[in-house]
Protein backbone atom coordinates (compact mmCIF):
# COMPACT_ATOMS: atom_id res chain seq x y z
CA MET A 1 -35.38 42.29 40.78
CA PHE A 2 -35.75 46.21 40.95
CA ALA A 3 -36.76 48.00 44.30
CA ALA A 4 -36.31 51.86 44.70
CA ASP A 5 -37.85 54.33 47.10
CA VAL A 6 -37.59 58.54 47.46
CA TYR A 7 -34.81 59.80 49.58
CA GLN A 8 -35.46 61.91 52.39
CA LEU A 9 -39.01 61.89 51.46
CA SER A 10 -40.17 62.64 54.75
CA LYS A 11 -38.21 65.44 54.86
CA LEU A 12 -39.40 66.85 51.76
CA MET A 13 -43.16 65.83 53.09
CA SER A 14 -42.16 68.89 56.34
CA GLU A 15 -40.84 71.27 53.79
CA GLY A 16 -44.11 71.20 51.82
CA GLU A 17 -46.39 68.27 51.51
CA ALA A 18 -47.85 69.59 48.15
CA GLY A 19 -45.09 70.35 46.48
CA ALA A 20 -43.68 66.62 47.42
CA LEU A 21 -46.67 64.47 46.31
CA ALA A 22 -46.51 66.70 42.74
CA SER A 23 -42.94 65.96 42.78
CA LEU A 24 -43.46 61.91 43.89
CA HIS A 25 -46.46 61.47 40.68
CA ALA A 26 -43.93 62.58 38.32
CA CYS A 27 -40.65 60.55 39.35
CA ARG A 28 -43.20 57.47 39.66
CA GLU A 29 -44.30 58.40 35.79
CA ILE A 30 -40.48 58.70 35.09
CA VAL A 31 -39.87 55.67 37.03
CA ASP A 32 -42.45 53.55 35.59
CA ALA A 33 -42.20 54.54 31.91
CA VAL A 34 -38.23 52.86 32.54
CA ILE A 35 -39.66 49.56 34.02
CA ALA A 36 -41.56 49.31 31.00
CA ALA A 37 -39.24 49.89 28.60
CA HIS A 38 -36.99 47.11 29.85
CA HIS A 39 -40.33 44.90 30.29
CA GLY A 40 -40.53 44.90 33.75
CA ARG A 41 -43.49 44.54 36.23
CA ILE A 42 -44.23 46.45 38.84
CA PHE A 43 -45.62 43.85 41.82
CA GLY A 44 -44.85 46.11 45.00
CA SER A 45 -45.20 49.87 46.04
CA ALA A 46 -46.22 51.08 49.20
CA GLY A 47 -45.56 55.23 49.37
CA ASP A 48 -42.68 56.43 48.12
CA SER A 49 -41.38 52.62 47.37
CA ILE A 50 -41.40 50.44 44.11
CA VAL A 51 -40.43 46.85 43.72
CA ALA A 52 -40.03 45.63 39.97
CA GLU A 53 -39.70 42.20 38.87
CA VAL A 54 -37.85 42.30 35.41
CA ALA A 55 -35.65 39.99 33.11
CA SER A 56 -32.39 39.43 34.50
CA ALA A 57 -29.61 41.96 36.86
CA VAL A 58 -28.25 43.21 34.04
CA SER A 59 -31.88 44.86 33.07
CA ALA A 60 -31.96 45.95 36.79
CA VAL A 61 -29.19 47.60 36.63
CA LEU A 62 -29.85 48.99 33.43
CA CYS A 63 -33.43 50.28 35.39
CA ALA A 64 -31.55 51.68 37.72
CA ILE A 65 -29.37 53.84 35.88
CA GLY A 66 -32.09 54.81 33.27
C-alpha cells in the first residue's frame, strides 16, 4: 500500500487558494503517473490524500521516491 498527502495544504490554501489548487492538480498528475508506472491502483482519495494498492512493499517505496 502507498499512502500520501500534501504537506501543509491548509496553510498553502490560506496563502492563495487558486495557486494551491493548481499546484495540487499538477502534483496529482505526476503522482498518478508514478503509481501507474509501478502497476498501482488508486482506490481512495479525498482532498489532498491518495491511497493506492501496489504489488509489494518495494513497489510502494519506489513510488514514494518516484
